[in-house]
Amino acid sequence: MANKKIKKVVKKVKENIDENRSLYNKILCYTKCYGGYLLAVGAGCTFGANFWVGLGLFTASAGWAYWATHCKSSAKCKLK
């Protein structure tokens, strides 16, 4: 019973993604390009509350920056 409901929900989600493909591609592209900035801001805001969580976010943003600058072909936002 629950399996059929899950399949229906997954089917509806896939149909919605197919209808709005360009919007989802744009969101994913900008997330790849600018997601590291969001992590860095989150790290800066979190350092005051919890040093270790802030340090983890800072490390994640550094990894994101490395990936974005060394994988230039996959990190570029080329939209029509």
Protein backbone atom coordinates (compact mmCIF):
# COMPACT_ATOMS: atom_id res chain seq x y z
CA MET A 1 0.00 0.00 0.00
CA ALA A 2 2.65 2.51 1.03
CA ASN A 3 4.87 1.36 -1.82
CA LYS A 4 2.20 2.35 -4.39
CA LYS A 5 1.83 5.80 -2.81
CA ILE A 6 5.59 6.33 -2.89
CA LYS A 7 5.70 5.34 -6.55
CA LYS A 8 2.90 7.81 -7.34
CA VAL A 9 4.72 10.62 -5.54
CA VAL A 10 8.00 9.82 -7.31
CA LYS A 11 6.19 9.78 -10.66
CA LYS A 12 4.61 13.20 -9.97
CA VAL A 13 7.97 14.65 -8.94
CA LYS A 14 9.64 13.33 -12.09
CA GLU A 15 6.87 14.79 -14.25
CA ASN A 16 7.26 18.16 -12.53
CA ILE A 17 11.02 18.11 -13.08
CA ASP A 18 10.52 17.22 -16.75
CA GLU A 19 8.10 20.15 -17.18
CA ASN A 20 10.45 22.63 -15.49
CA ARG A 21 13.80 21.25 -16.61
CA SER A 22 15.42 24.63 -17.38
CA LEU A 23 14.53 26.03 -13.94
CA TYR A 24 16.02 23.03 -12.15
CA ASN A 25 19.15 23.20 -14.31
CA LYS A 26 19.54 26.89 -13.47
CA ILE A 27 19.18 26.22 -9.73
CA LEU A 28 21.72 23.39 -9.86
CA CYS A 29 24.14 25.48 -11.89
CA TYR A 30 24.07 28.43 -9.52
CA THR A 31 24.40 26.08 -6.56
CA LYS A 32 27.56 24.65 -8.10
CA CYS A 33 28.97 28.09 -8.82
CA TYR A 34 27.98 30.01 -5.68
CA GLY A 35 27.27 27.40 -3.01
CA GLY A 36 30.71 27.83 -1.47
CA TYR A 37 29.94 31.47 -0.70
CA LEU A 38 26.85 30.42 1.20
CA LEU A 39 28.89 27.92 3.20
CA ALA A 40 31.52 30.57 3.98
CA VAL A 41 28.88 33.02 5.24
CA GLY A 42 27.34 30.25 7.33
CA ALA A 43 30.75 29.43 8.76
CA GLY A 44 31.37 33.05 9.71
CA CYS A 45 28.01 33.32 11.43
CA THR A 46 28.45 30.00 13.23
CA PHE A 47 31.94 30.60 14.66
CA GLY A 48 30.49 32.71 17.47
CA ALA A 49 28.01 30.05 18.55
CA ASN A 50 29.98 26.84 18.03
CA PHE A 51 33.62 26.82 16.99
CA TRP A 52 33.69 23.23 15.73
CA VAL A 53 30.61 23.55 13.55
CA GLY A 54 31.98 26.81 12.16
CA LEU A 55 35.31 25.14 11.47
CA GLY A 56 33.52 22.29 9.68
CA LEU A 57 31.57 24.72 7.50
CA PHE A 58 34.75 26.68 6.80
CA THR A 59 36.54 23.49 5.73
CA ALA A 60 33.61 22.55 3.50
CA SER A 61 33.67 25.99 1.85
CA ALA A 62 37.42 25.63 1.25
CA GLY A 63 36.84 22.26 -0.39
CA TRP A 64 34.07 23.76 -2.49
CA ALA A 65 36.36 26.60 -3.61
CA TYR A 66 39.08 24.12 -4.56
CA TRP A 67 36.59 22.05 -6.56
CA ALA A 68 35.11 25.11 -8.28
CA THR A 69 38.50 26.46 -9.38
CA HIS A 70 40.09 23.16 -10.40
CA CYS A 71 37.09 21.69 -12.19
CA LYS A 72 36.37 24.72 -14.36
CA SER A 73 34.47 22.92 -17.10
CA SER A 74 31.96 21.41 -14.69
CA ALA A 75 31.61 24.48 -12.47
CA LYS A 76 30.83 27.06 -15.15
CA CYS A 77 27.27 28.31 -15.43
CA LYS A 78 26.45 28.22 -19.12
CA LEU A 79 22.75 28.83 -19.52
CA LYS A 80 20.74 29.64 -22.62
